[in-house]
N, C-alpha and C. Protein backbone atom coordinates (compact mmCIF):
# COMPACT_ATOMS: atom_id res chain seq x y z
N MET A 1 89.80 57.27 -58.21
CA MET A 1 89.30 56.15 -59.02
C MET A 1 87.91 56.49 -59.49
N ALA A 2 87.66 56.28 -60.73
CA ALA A 2 86.36 56.62 -61.33
C ALA A 2 85.32 55.58 -60.95
N VAL A 3 84.09 56.06 -60.69
CA VAL A 3 82.97 55.16 -60.31
C VAL A 3 82.01 55.05 -61.47
N ASP A 4 81.62 53.81 -61.79
CA ASP A 4 80.67 53.57 -62.89
C ASP A 4 79.32 54.08 -62.45
N SER A 5 78.79 55.07 -63.18
CA SER A 5 77.51 55.69 -62.81
C SER A 5 76.36 54.70 -62.93
N ARG A 6 76.39 53.79 -63.82
CA ARG A 6 75.30 52.83 -63.97
C ARG A 6 75.23 51.89 -62.79
N ARG A 7 76.43 51.50 -62.27
CA ARG A 7 76.47 50.61 -61.11
C ARG A 7 75.95 51.33 -59.88
N THR A 8 76.27 52.59 -59.77
CA THR A 8 75.82 53.38 -58.61
C THR A 8 74.30 53.47 -58.61
N ARG A 9 73.67 53.76 -59.77
CA ARG A 9 72.22 53.88 -59.83
C ARG A 9 71.54 52.56 -59.47
N ALA A 10 72.13 51.44 -59.85
CA ALA A 10 71.55 50.14 -59.54
C ALA A 10 71.58 49.88 -58.05
N MET A 11 72.68 50.27 -57.37
CA MET A 11 72.79 50.06 -55.94
C MET A 11 71.75 50.88 -55.20
N TRP A 12 71.55 52.15 -55.65
CA TRP A 12 70.55 53.00 -54.99
C TRP A 12 69.13 52.43 -55.19
N ALA A 13 68.84 51.90 -56.33
CA ALA A 13 67.50 51.33 -56.60
C ALA A 13 67.24 50.14 -55.70
N THR A 14 68.27 49.28 -55.51
CA THR A 14 68.12 48.10 -54.66
C THR A 14 67.88 48.49 -53.22
N ALA A 15 68.64 49.52 -52.76
CA ALA A 15 68.49 49.98 -51.37
C ALA A 15 67.10 50.55 -51.16
N ALA A 16 66.60 51.32 -52.11
CA ALA A 16 65.26 51.92 -51.99
C ALA A 16 64.19 50.84 -51.91
N ALA A 17 64.35 49.78 -52.70
CA ALA A 17 63.36 48.70 -52.69
C ALA A 17 63.33 47.99 -51.34
N VAL A 18 64.54 47.78 -50.74
CA VAL A 18 64.62 47.11 -49.43
C VAL A 18 63.95 47.96 -48.36
N LEU A 19 64.20 49.26 -48.37
CA LEU A 19 63.61 50.16 -47.37
C LEU A 19 62.10 50.22 -47.50
N SER A 20 61.61 50.22 -48.74
CA SER A 20 60.16 50.27 -48.97
C SER A 20 59.47 49.03 -48.43
N ALA A 21 60.12 47.85 -48.66
CA ALA A 21 59.54 46.59 -48.17
C ALA A 21 59.51 46.56 -46.66
N ALA A 22 60.58 47.08 -46.02
CA ALA A 22 60.64 47.11 -44.56
C ALA A 22 59.55 47.99 -43.98
N ALA A 23 59.31 49.13 -44.65
CA ALA A 23 58.27 50.05 -44.16
C ALA A 23 56.88 49.43 -44.24
N LEU A 24 56.58 48.74 -45.34
CA LEU A 24 55.27 48.10 -45.50
C LEU A 24 55.07 47.01 -44.45
N SER A 25 56.17 46.27 -44.14
CA SER A 25 56.05 45.21 -43.14
C SER A 25 55.75 45.77 -41.77
N ALA A 26 56.40 46.92 -41.45
CA ALA A 26 56.15 47.55 -40.15
C ALA A 26 54.73 48.03 -40.04
N CYS A 27 54.16 48.59 -41.09
CA CYS A 27 52.77 49.07 -41.07
C CYS A 27 51.80 47.93 -40.86
N GLY A 28 52.05 46.77 -41.53
CA GLY A 28 51.14 45.63 -41.42
C GLY A 28 51.12 45.07 -40.01
N SER A 29 52.21 45.04 -39.32
CA SER A 29 52.24 44.46 -37.97
C SER A 29 51.64 45.37 -36.94
N GLY A 30 51.46 46.64 -37.23
CA GLY A 30 50.93 47.59 -36.25
C GLY A 30 49.43 47.71 -36.28
N SER A 31 48.73 47.27 -37.35
CA SER A 31 47.26 47.40 -37.42
C SER A 31 46.65 46.01 -37.51
N ALA A 32 45.96 45.57 -36.42
CA ALA A 32 45.36 44.23 -36.38
C ALA A 32 44.08 44.20 -37.16
N ASP A 33 43.82 43.06 -37.78
CA ASP A 33 42.59 42.85 -38.55
C ASP A 33 41.44 42.62 -37.56
N PRO A 34 40.41 43.48 -37.56
CA PRO A 34 39.30 43.31 -36.60
C PRO A 34 38.62 41.96 -36.73
N ALA A 35 38.51 41.43 -37.94
CA ALA A 35 37.82 40.16 -38.14
C ALA A 35 38.58 39.01 -37.52
N ALA A 36 39.89 39.22 -37.32
CA ALA A 36 40.70 38.14 -36.79
C ALA A 36 40.71 38.11 -35.28
N ALA A 37 40.11 39.12 -34.64
CA ALA A 37 40.12 39.17 -33.18
C ALA A 37 39.30 38.01 -32.63
N PRO A 38 39.80 37.35 -31.59
CA PRO A 38 39.06 36.19 -31.04
C PRO A 38 37.75 36.63 -30.42
N ALA A 39 36.69 35.87 -30.71
CA ALA A 39 35.37 36.17 -30.16
C ALA A 39 35.33 35.78 -28.69
N PRO A 40 34.51 36.47 -27.87
CA PRO A 40 34.40 36.11 -26.45
C PRO A 40 33.89 34.67 -26.31
N SER A 41 34.42 33.95 -25.37
CA SER A 41 34.03 32.54 -25.18
C SER A 41 32.63 32.46 -24.60
N SER A 42 31.80 31.54 -25.20
CA SER A 42 30.45 31.35 -24.69
C SER A 42 30.46 30.61 -23.37
N ALA A 43 31.62 30.06 -23.01
CA ALA A 43 31.72 29.30 -21.77
C ALA A 43 32.15 30.17 -20.61
N ALA A 44 32.21 31.49 -20.83
CA ALA A 44 32.62 32.39 -19.77
C ALA A 44 31.67 32.29 -18.61
N PRO A 45 32.15 32.38 -17.35
CA PRO A 45 31.26 32.24 -16.19
C PRO A 45 30.22 33.33 -16.17
N SER A 46 28.98 32.96 -15.78
CA SER A 46 27.86 33.89 -15.74
C SER A 46 27.62 34.37 -14.33
N SER A 47 27.19 35.61 -14.21
CA SER A 47 26.89 36.18 -12.90
C SER A 47 25.41 36.13 -12.60
N ALA A 48 24.61 35.34 -13.40
CA ALA A 48 23.16 35.25 -13.20
C ALA A 48 22.86 34.61 -11.87
N ALA A 49 21.67 34.93 -11.32
CA ALA A 49 21.24 34.38 -10.03
C ALA A 49 21.02 32.88 -10.15
N PRO A 50 21.20 32.14 -9.04
CA PRO A 50 20.97 30.67 -9.09
C PRO A 50 19.55 30.36 -9.51
N SER A 51 19.35 29.21 -10.15
CA SER A 51 18.03 28.80 -10.62
C SER A 51 17.09 28.56 -9.46
N SER A 52 15.81 28.92 -9.66
CA SER A 52 14.80 28.69 -8.62
C SER A 52 14.43 27.24 -8.51
N ALA A 53 14.96 26.39 -9.41
CA ALA A 53 14.64 24.97 -9.39
C ALA A 53 15.54 24.19 -8.44
N ALA A 54 16.33 24.93 -7.64
CA ALA A 54 17.22 24.24 -6.70
C ALA A 54 16.42 23.41 -5.72
N THR A 55 17.02 22.35 -5.24
CA THR A 55 16.33 21.44 -4.33
C THR A 55 15.95 22.17 -3.04
N PRO A 56 14.66 22.16 -2.65
CA PRO A 56 14.26 22.86 -1.44
C PRO A 56 14.82 22.17 -0.20
N THR A 57 15.02 22.95 0.84
CA THR A 57 15.55 22.39 2.08
C THR A 57 14.45 21.82 2.94
N ASP A 58 13.20 22.30 2.77
CA ASP A 58 12.09 21.80 3.58
C ASP A 58 11.60 20.47 3.03
N VAL A 59 11.32 19.53 3.91
CA VAL A 59 10.80 18.23 3.50
C VAL A 59 9.30 18.33 3.33
N ALA A 60 8.78 17.88 2.16
CA ALA A 60 7.34 17.95 1.89
C ALA A 60 6.59 16.99 2.79
N PRO A 61 5.39 17.37 3.26
CA PRO A 61 4.60 16.47 4.10
C PRO A 61 4.10 15.29 3.30
N PRO A 62 3.80 14.15 3.95
CA PRO A 62 3.29 12.99 3.23
C PRO A 62 1.94 13.30 2.59
N PRO A 63 1.64 12.71 1.45
CA PRO A 63 0.38 13.01 0.77
C PRO A 63 -0.83 12.53 1.55
N ILE A 64 -1.90 13.30 1.49
CA ILE A 64 -3.15 12.91 2.12
C ILE A 64 -3.94 12.08 1.11
N LYS A 65 -4.45 10.97 1.55
CA LYS A 65 -5.09 10.04 0.63
C LYS A 65 -6.59 10.30 0.46
N GLY A 66 -7.08 11.37 1.00
CA GLY A 66 -8.48 11.71 0.77
C GLY A 66 -9.37 11.31 1.92
N LYS A 67 -10.47 12.02 2.07
CA LYS A 67 -11.40 11.74 3.14
C LYS A 67 -12.32 10.60 2.74
N LEU A 68 -12.91 9.99 3.75
CA LEU A 68 -13.77 8.85 3.51
C LEU A 68 -15.13 9.29 2.98
N ARG A 69 -15.75 8.39 2.25
CA ARG A 69 -17.10 8.66 1.74
C ARG A 69 -18.10 8.55 2.89
N GLY A 70 -19.08 9.43 2.90
CA GLY A 70 -20.14 9.34 3.88
C GLY A 70 -21.35 8.61 3.33
N TYR A 71 -22.10 7.96 4.20
CA TYR A 71 -23.31 7.25 3.80
C TYR A 71 -24.48 7.82 4.60
N ALA A 72 -25.61 8.03 3.91
CA ALA A 72 -26.77 8.65 4.56
C ALA A 72 -27.80 7.62 5.00
N THR A 73 -27.84 6.45 4.35
CA THR A 73 -28.86 5.45 4.67
C THR A 73 -28.28 4.05 4.74
N VAL A 74 -29.01 3.18 5.40
CA VAL A 74 -28.63 1.77 5.46
C VAL A 74 -28.67 1.17 4.05
N ARG A 75 -29.59 1.62 3.23
CA ARG A 75 -29.67 1.11 1.86
C ARG A 75 -28.40 1.43 1.08
N GLN A 76 -27.87 2.61 1.26
CA GLN A 76 -26.62 2.96 0.59
C GLN A 76 -25.48 2.06 1.05
N LEU A 77 -25.41 1.81 2.33
CA LEU A 77 -24.39 0.89 2.84
C LEU A 77 -24.55 -0.50 2.24
N SER A 78 -25.80 -0.98 2.20
CA SER A 78 -26.06 -2.34 1.69
C SER A 78 -25.70 -2.45 0.21
N ASP A 79 -26.02 -1.43 -0.56
CA ASP A 79 -25.71 -1.45 -1.99
C ASP A 79 -24.20 -1.43 -2.24
N ALA A 80 -23.47 -0.72 -1.40
CA ALA A 80 -22.03 -0.56 -1.62
C ALA A 80 -21.21 -1.71 -1.08
N ALA A 81 -21.73 -2.45 -0.12
CA ALA A 81 -20.95 -3.49 0.56
C ALA A 81 -20.75 -4.73 -0.31
N ASP A 82 -19.57 -5.32 -0.18
CA ASP A 82 -19.31 -6.63 -0.79
C ASP A 82 -19.85 -7.73 0.11
N LEU A 83 -19.94 -7.42 1.40
CA LEU A 83 -20.37 -8.42 2.37
C LEU A 83 -20.99 -7.72 3.57
N VAL A 84 -22.17 -8.21 4.00
CA VAL A 84 -22.82 -7.71 5.22
C VAL A 84 -23.00 -8.92 6.13
N VAL A 85 -22.40 -8.86 7.32
CA VAL A 85 -22.40 -10.03 8.20
C VAL A 85 -22.70 -9.64 9.64
N ARG A 86 -23.30 -10.59 10.34
CA ARG A 86 -23.48 -10.47 11.80
C ARG A 86 -22.56 -11.49 12.44
N GLY A 87 -21.94 -11.09 13.55
CA GLY A 87 -21.06 -12.03 14.22
C GLY A 87 -20.33 -11.40 15.38
N GLU A 88 -19.24 -12.02 15.76
CA GLU A 88 -18.48 -11.57 16.94
C GLU A 88 -17.02 -11.35 16.58
N VAL A 89 -16.49 -10.25 17.10
CA VAL A 89 -15.08 -9.94 16.90
C VAL A 89 -14.24 -10.87 17.78
N GLU A 90 -13.23 -11.48 17.19
CA GLU A 90 -12.31 -12.35 17.92
C GLU A 90 -10.91 -11.75 17.90
N ALA A 91 -10.04 -12.29 18.72
CA ALA A 91 -8.67 -11.76 18.80
C ALA A 91 -7.94 -11.85 17.47
N ALA A 92 -8.24 -12.90 16.71
CA ALA A 92 -7.52 -13.11 15.45
C ALA A 92 -8.37 -12.81 14.21
N GLY A 93 -9.53 -12.20 14.38
CA GLY A 93 -10.35 -11.91 13.20
C GLY A 93 -11.81 -11.73 13.57
N PHE A 94 -12.70 -12.29 12.74
CA PHE A 94 -14.13 -12.12 12.95
C PHE A 94 -14.85 -13.42 12.64
N ARG A 95 -15.70 -13.86 13.58
CA ARG A 95 -16.49 -15.07 13.37
C ARG A 95 -17.84 -14.69 12.79
N VAL A 96 -18.17 -15.23 11.63
CA VAL A 96 -19.41 -14.92 10.95
C VAL A 96 -20.51 -15.86 11.45
N ASP A 97 -21.56 -15.28 12.05
CA ASP A 97 -22.69 -16.08 12.51
C ASP A 97 -23.85 -16.03 11.51
N GLU A 98 -23.89 -14.99 10.70
CA GLU A 98 -24.97 -14.84 9.70
C GLU A 98 -24.49 -13.95 8.57
N VAL A 99 -24.82 -14.34 7.35
CA VAL A 99 -24.53 -13.50 6.18
C VAL A 99 -25.83 -12.83 5.75
N LEU A 100 -25.89 -11.51 5.91
CA LEU A 100 -27.09 -10.77 5.51
C LEU A 100 -27.07 -10.47 4.01
N ARG A 101 -25.89 -10.30 3.47
CA ARG A 101 -25.75 -10.02 2.03
C ARG A 101 -24.33 -10.35 1.60
N ALA A 102 -24.20 -10.90 0.40
CA ALA A 102 -22.88 -11.17 -0.18
C ALA A 102 -22.97 -11.01 -1.69
N THR A 103 -21.95 -10.45 -2.27
CA THR A 103 -21.94 -10.28 -3.73
C THR A 103 -21.75 -11.64 -4.39
N THR A 104 -22.11 -11.71 -5.65
CA THR A 104 -21.99 -12.95 -6.41
C THR A 104 -20.54 -13.46 -6.40
N GLY A 105 -20.39 -14.71 -6.11
CA GLY A 105 -19.06 -15.31 -6.09
C GLY A 105 -18.43 -15.38 -4.72
N SER A 106 -19.06 -14.76 -3.73
CA SER A 106 -18.50 -14.80 -2.38
C SER A 106 -18.56 -16.21 -1.82
N THR A 107 -17.52 -16.60 -1.10
CA THR A 107 -17.47 -17.93 -0.50
C THR A 107 -17.69 -17.89 1.01
N VAL A 108 -17.97 -16.70 1.54
CA VAL A 108 -18.14 -16.55 2.99
C VAL A 108 -19.52 -17.08 3.38
N ARG A 109 -19.53 -17.97 4.36
CA ARG A 109 -20.77 -18.56 4.85
C ARG A 109 -20.81 -18.45 6.38
N ALA A 110 -21.98 -18.68 6.96
CA ALA A 110 -22.10 -18.70 8.42
C ALA A 110 -21.15 -19.75 8.99
N GLY A 111 -20.44 -19.38 10.03
CA GLY A 111 -19.45 -20.27 10.63
C GLY A 111 -18.03 -19.98 10.15
N ALA A 112 -17.89 -19.21 9.09
CA ALA A 112 -16.56 -18.89 8.59
C ALA A 112 -15.89 -17.85 9.48
N ARG A 113 -14.60 -17.75 9.35
CA ARG A 113 -13.83 -16.71 10.04
C ARG A 113 -13.10 -15.90 8.97
N ILE A 114 -13.23 -14.58 9.07
CA ILE A 114 -12.61 -13.69 8.08
C ILE A 114 -11.62 -12.76 8.77
N THR A 115 -10.72 -12.24 7.99
CA THR A 115 -9.70 -11.32 8.51
C THR A 115 -10.11 -9.89 8.21
N LEU A 116 -10.08 -9.05 9.23
CA LEU A 116 -10.41 -7.64 9.08
C LEU A 116 -9.12 -6.83 9.02
N ALA A 117 -9.06 -5.90 8.06
CA ALA A 117 -7.88 -5.06 7.89
C ALA A 117 -8.21 -3.63 8.30
N PRO A 118 -7.23 -2.87 8.79
CA PRO A 118 -7.47 -1.47 9.15
C PRO A 118 -7.58 -0.60 7.90
N LEU A 119 -8.00 0.63 8.09
CA LEU A 119 -8.04 1.58 6.99
C LEU A 119 -6.62 1.85 6.50
N PRO A 120 -6.47 2.23 5.24
CA PRO A 120 -5.13 2.53 4.72
C PRO A 120 -4.48 3.67 5.50
N ALA A 121 -3.18 3.59 5.68
CA ALA A 121 -2.45 4.66 6.36
C ALA A 121 -2.55 5.95 5.56
N GLY A 122 -2.68 7.05 6.26
CA GLY A 122 -2.75 8.35 5.59
C GLY A 122 -4.15 8.91 5.46
N VAL A 123 -5.18 8.13 5.82
CA VAL A 123 -6.55 8.64 5.76
C VAL A 123 -6.77 9.56 6.97
N PRO A 124 -7.12 10.84 6.74
CA PRO A 124 -7.22 11.79 7.85
C PRO A 124 -8.20 11.37 8.93
N ASP A 125 -9.31 10.71 8.56
CA ASP A 125 -10.35 10.39 9.54
C ASP A 125 -9.99 9.22 10.45
N MET A 126 -8.83 8.59 10.23
CA MET A 126 -8.46 7.44 11.04
C MET A 126 -8.40 7.78 12.52
N ALA A 127 -7.99 8.99 12.84
CA ALA A 127 -7.83 9.38 14.24
C ALA A 127 -9.15 9.37 14.99
N HIS A 128 -10.26 9.45 14.27
CA HIS A 128 -11.58 9.52 14.91
C HIS A 128 -12.31 8.18 14.90
N MET A 129 -11.66 7.13 14.40
CA MET A 129 -12.32 5.83 14.30
C MET A 129 -12.19 5.03 15.58
N SER A 130 -13.23 4.24 15.87
CA SER A 130 -13.18 3.33 17.01
C SER A 130 -12.42 2.08 16.60
N LYS A 131 -12.21 1.18 17.55
CA LYS A 131 -11.54 -0.08 17.27
C LYS A 131 -12.48 -1.25 17.54
N LEU A 132 -12.41 -2.24 16.68
CA LEU A 132 -13.16 -3.47 16.91
C LEU A 132 -12.35 -4.34 17.86
N GLU A 133 -12.97 -4.70 18.98
CA GLU A 133 -12.26 -5.46 20.00
C GLU A 133 -12.94 -6.79 20.25
N ALA A 134 -12.15 -7.75 20.66
CA ALA A 134 -12.65 -9.11 20.89
C ALA A 134 -13.85 -9.10 21.83
N GLY A 135 -14.86 -9.86 21.46
CA GLY A 135 -16.05 -9.98 22.29
C GLY A 135 -17.22 -9.10 21.84
N GLN A 136 -16.96 -8.14 20.97
CA GLN A 136 -18.04 -7.27 20.51
C GLN A 136 -18.91 -8.00 19.48
N VAL A 137 -20.23 -7.88 19.66
CA VAL A 137 -21.19 -8.48 18.72
C VAL A 137 -21.71 -7.36 17.83
N VAL A 138 -21.55 -7.52 16.53
CA VAL A 138 -21.81 -6.40 15.62
C VAL A 138 -22.37 -6.91 14.28
N VAL A 139 -22.93 -5.96 13.53
CA VAL A 139 -23.21 -6.15 12.11
C VAL A 139 -22.22 -5.28 11.36
N LEU A 140 -21.51 -5.87 10.41
CA LEU A 140 -20.48 -5.14 9.67
C LEU A 140 -20.84 -5.07 8.19
N TYR A 141 -20.66 -3.89 7.64
CA TYR A 141 -20.79 -3.66 6.20
C TYR A 141 -19.36 -3.55 5.67
N LEU A 142 -18.98 -4.51 4.82
CA LEU A 142 -17.57 -4.69 4.49
C LEU A 142 -17.28 -4.54 3.00
N ALA A 143 -16.08 -4.08 2.72
CA ALA A 143 -15.54 -4.06 1.36
C ALA A 143 -14.36 -5.02 1.34
N GLN A 144 -14.28 -5.84 0.30
CA GLN A 144 -13.19 -6.81 0.20
C GLN A 144 -11.99 -6.18 -0.48
N ASP A 145 -10.81 -6.48 0.05
CA ASP A 145 -9.56 -6.02 -0.56
C ASP A 145 -9.36 -6.82 -1.84
N PRO A 146 -9.22 -6.14 -2.99
CA PRO A 146 -9.06 -6.88 -4.25
C PRO A 146 -7.74 -7.63 -4.37
N ALA A 147 -6.77 -7.28 -3.53
CA ALA A 147 -5.45 -7.90 -3.65
C ALA A 147 -5.14 -8.87 -2.53
N ALA A 148 -6.07 -9.04 -1.57
CA ALA A 148 -5.80 -9.94 -0.44
C ALA A 148 -7.12 -10.45 0.12
N PRO A 149 -7.10 -11.58 0.81
CA PRO A 149 -8.34 -12.14 1.38
C PRO A 149 -8.72 -11.48 2.70
N THR A 150 -8.83 -10.17 2.69
CA THR A 150 -9.18 -9.41 3.89
C THR A 150 -10.33 -8.46 3.58
N PHE A 151 -10.95 -7.94 4.64
CA PHE A 151 -12.09 -7.03 4.49
C PHE A 151 -11.87 -5.80 5.37
N ARG A 152 -12.46 -4.68 4.90
CA ARG A 152 -12.45 -3.44 5.69
C ARG A 152 -13.89 -2.95 5.84
N THR A 153 -14.20 -2.37 6.99
CA THR A 153 -15.53 -1.79 7.16
C THR A 153 -15.67 -0.59 6.22
N LEU A 154 -16.84 -0.40 5.65
CA LEU A 154 -17.07 0.71 4.74
C LEU A 154 -16.91 2.04 5.48
N SER A 155 -15.95 2.83 5.02
CA SER A 155 -15.69 4.15 5.61
C SER A 155 -15.58 4.09 7.13
N GLY A 156 -14.85 3.10 7.61
CA GLY A 156 -14.60 3.02 9.05
C GLY A 156 -15.87 2.77 9.84
N ASP A 157 -16.19 3.70 10.75
CA ASP A 157 -17.33 3.51 11.66
C ASP A 157 -18.68 3.54 10.95
N PHE A 158 -18.76 4.07 9.76
CA PHE A 158 -20.03 4.05 9.03
C PHE A 158 -20.54 2.62 8.87
N GLY A 159 -19.62 1.69 8.72
CA GLY A 159 -20.00 0.30 8.45
C GLY A 159 -20.10 -0.58 9.67
N VAL A 160 -20.26 0.00 10.87
CA VAL A 160 -20.32 -0.79 12.11
C VAL A 160 -21.60 -0.48 12.88
N PHE A 161 -22.37 -1.54 13.18
CA PHE A 161 -23.56 -1.44 14.04
C PHE A 161 -23.34 -2.37 15.24
N ASP A 162 -23.47 -1.84 16.43
CA ASP A 162 -23.37 -2.66 17.64
C ASP A 162 -24.73 -3.29 17.94
N LEU A 163 -24.71 -4.56 18.29
CA LEU A 163 -25.95 -5.29 18.55
C LEU A 163 -26.15 -5.54 20.05
N THR A 164 -27.39 -5.36 20.49
CA THR A 164 -27.77 -5.66 21.87
C THR A 164 -29.04 -6.49 21.84
N GLY A 165 -29.04 -7.61 22.53
CA GLY A 165 -30.21 -8.48 22.53
C GLY A 165 -30.04 -9.61 21.52
N SER A 166 -31.13 -10.30 21.25
CA SER A 166 -31.08 -11.44 20.34
C SER A 166 -32.31 -11.49 19.45
N GLY A 167 -32.22 -12.27 18.41
CA GLY A 167 -33.34 -12.40 17.50
C GLY A 167 -33.53 -11.18 16.62
N ALA A 168 -34.64 -11.19 15.88
CA ALA A 168 -34.91 -10.11 14.94
C ALA A 168 -35.09 -8.76 15.62
N GLU A 169 -35.46 -8.77 16.91
CA GLU A 169 -35.69 -7.53 17.64
C GLU A 169 -34.43 -7.01 18.34
N ALA A 170 -33.31 -7.65 18.11
CA ALA A 170 -32.06 -7.15 18.69
C ALA A 170 -31.83 -5.72 18.20
N VAL A 171 -31.41 -4.85 19.11
CA VAL A 171 -31.21 -3.44 18.78
C VAL A 171 -29.86 -3.26 18.09
N ALA A 172 -29.89 -2.59 16.94
CA ALA A 172 -28.67 -2.31 16.17
C ALA A 172 -28.43 -0.80 16.20
N THR A 173 -27.31 -0.40 16.77
CA THR A 173 -27.00 1.02 16.94
C THR A 173 -25.69 1.35 16.23
N THR A 174 -25.68 2.46 15.51
CA THR A 174 -24.44 2.85 14.81
C THR A 174 -23.33 3.06 15.83
N ARG A 175 -22.13 2.63 15.47
CA ARG A 175 -20.98 2.75 16.36
C ARG A 175 -20.67 4.21 16.67
N SER A 176 -20.78 5.06 15.68
CA SER A 176 -20.47 6.48 15.84
C SER A 176 -21.72 7.33 15.68
N GLN A 177 -21.76 8.47 16.35
CA GLN A 177 -22.87 9.39 16.14
C GLN A 177 -22.61 10.28 14.93
N ALA A 178 -21.37 10.74 14.80
CA ALA A 178 -21.06 11.65 13.69
C ALA A 178 -20.93 10.91 12.37
N MET A 179 -20.27 9.76 12.39
CA MET A 179 -20.07 8.98 11.17
C MET A 179 -21.12 7.88 11.12
N ALA A 180 -22.35 8.28 10.81
CA ALA A 180 -23.46 7.34 10.88
C ALA A 180 -24.53 7.71 9.88
N VAL A 181 -25.30 6.69 9.47
CA VAL A 181 -26.46 6.94 8.61
C VAL A 181 -27.55 7.60 9.45
N SER A 182 -28.58 8.11 8.77
CA SER A 182 -29.68 8.76 9.49
C SER A 182 -31.03 8.15 9.15
N GLY A 183 -31.04 7.03 8.38
CA GLY A 183 -32.30 6.39 8.04
C GLY A 183 -32.07 5.05 7.37
N LEU A 184 -33.16 4.30 7.20
CA LEU A 184 -33.06 3.00 6.54
C LEU A 184 -32.98 3.16 5.02
N ASN A 185 -34.04 3.68 4.42
CA ASN A 185 -34.10 3.87 2.97
C ASN A 185 -34.12 5.34 2.56
N ALA A 186 -34.40 6.20 3.51
CA ALA A 186 -34.45 7.63 3.23
C ALA A 186 -33.69 8.38 4.32
N GLU A 187 -32.98 9.40 3.92
CA GLU A 187 -32.20 10.19 4.85
C GLU A 187 -33.10 11.07 5.70
N ASP A 188 -32.75 11.22 6.97
CA ASP A 188 -33.47 12.11 7.88
C ASP A 188 -32.50 13.21 8.32
N PRO A 189 -32.54 14.38 7.67
CA PRO A 189 -31.58 15.45 8.00
C PRO A 189 -31.60 15.83 9.47
N ALA A 190 -32.77 15.75 10.10
CA ALA A 190 -32.88 16.13 11.51
C ALA A 190 -32.09 15.18 12.42
N ALA A 191 -31.92 13.94 11.96
CA ALA A 191 -31.21 12.95 12.77
C ALA A 191 -29.73 12.88 12.44
N SER A 192 -29.29 13.59 11.43
CA SER A 192 -27.89 13.55 11.02
C SER A 192 -26.99 14.05 12.14
N GLY A 193 -25.94 13.30 12.40
CA GLY A 193 -24.99 13.68 13.44
C GLY A 193 -25.37 13.22 14.83
N HIS A 194 -26.46 12.49 14.95
CA HIS A 194 -26.93 12.02 16.27
C HIS A 194 -26.94 10.50 16.37
N GLY A 195 -26.39 9.82 15.40
CA GLY A 195 -26.42 8.36 15.42
C GLY A 195 -27.76 7.84 14.92
N PHE A 196 -27.83 6.52 14.79
CA PHE A 196 -29.07 5.92 14.28
C PHE A 196 -29.27 4.56 14.94
N ARG A 197 -30.54 4.27 15.28
CA ARG A 197 -30.88 3.01 15.94
C ARG A 197 -32.01 2.33 15.18
N THR A 198 -31.87 1.01 15.01
CA THR A 198 -32.89 0.23 14.34
C THR A 198 -32.87 -1.18 14.93
N THR A 199 -33.38 -2.16 14.21
CA THR A 199 -33.35 -3.55 14.69
C THR A 199 -32.62 -4.43 13.69
N LEU A 200 -32.17 -5.57 14.15
CA LEU A 200 -31.51 -6.51 13.26
C LEU A 200 -32.46 -6.95 12.15
N GLY A 201 -33.73 -7.12 12.49
CA GLY A 201 -34.71 -7.52 11.47
C GLY A 201 -34.80 -6.50 10.35
N GLN A 202 -34.74 -5.23 10.67
CA GLN A 202 -34.81 -4.19 9.64
C GLN A 202 -33.52 -4.15 8.80
N LEU A 203 -32.40 -4.38 9.43
CA LEU A 203 -31.14 -4.46 8.66
C LEU A 203 -31.19 -5.62 7.68
N ARG A 204 -31.76 -6.73 8.11
CA ARG A 204 -31.92 -7.89 7.21
C ARG A 204 -32.80 -7.54 6.02
N ALA A 205 -33.91 -6.87 6.30
CA ALA A 205 -34.86 -6.54 5.22
C ALA A 205 -34.23 -5.61 4.19
N VAL A 206 -33.49 -4.61 4.63
CA VAL A 206 -32.85 -3.68 3.68
C VAL A 206 -31.75 -4.39 2.90
N ALA A 207 -30.98 -5.24 3.56
CA ALA A 207 -29.91 -5.97 2.88
C ALA A 207 -30.46 -6.86 1.79
N ALA A 208 -31.65 -7.43 2.03
CA ALA A 208 -32.27 -8.32 1.03
C ALA A 208 -32.71 -7.57 -0.21
N GLN A 209 -32.91 -6.25 -0.10
CA GLN A 209 -33.33 -5.43 -1.23
C GLN A 209 -32.14 -4.85 -2.01
N ALA A 210 -30.95 -4.99 -1.47
CA ALA A 210 -29.78 -4.33 -2.07
C ALA A 210 -29.53 -4.84 -3.48
N GLU A 211 -28.99 -3.98 -4.28
CA GLU A 211 -28.69 -4.31 -5.67
C GLU A 211 -27.25 -4.77 -5.82
């Protein structure tokens, strides 16, 4: 049987086209496009060392609230005090027998009873302070608490003079030797650290000059 040559050529052309398309498809699937490759994830786990800001295991010590101010003279105490009084320590407070000095607006008078407060917690010098006990007769240089109707001695023992005797010649002695003034109006370096002794009359005179 005779074969039409034109039909044969057409069949070969179709077959060649199919094979060519198949070859191109195979080549495309074997070479990946570099731009299409997935980028590394930024959320990948890091091997960096832990941050130094981690919570420490040691507990920090409580803050120190600062050391107390020192006073060199009775005049300095008188100028700084809100109230200077003579009287007796009682179990529930302090009985005022005399007001040597009071700032403007003070309502404390002789015969009044005032409340004494301790130094704030955290003051390093507290361990070296004496205690005011019932029955002690003293002159106190006081600072008033702005938030409560109470008073504190100026810098602890600096503001305490023990009294012995009566009248203007009563002896006034600093409660502490180390935490004490060394003069009335002028500092005496030679007497520093040894306590200071004067009279009630002299304390009155200096208080009257206070600003």
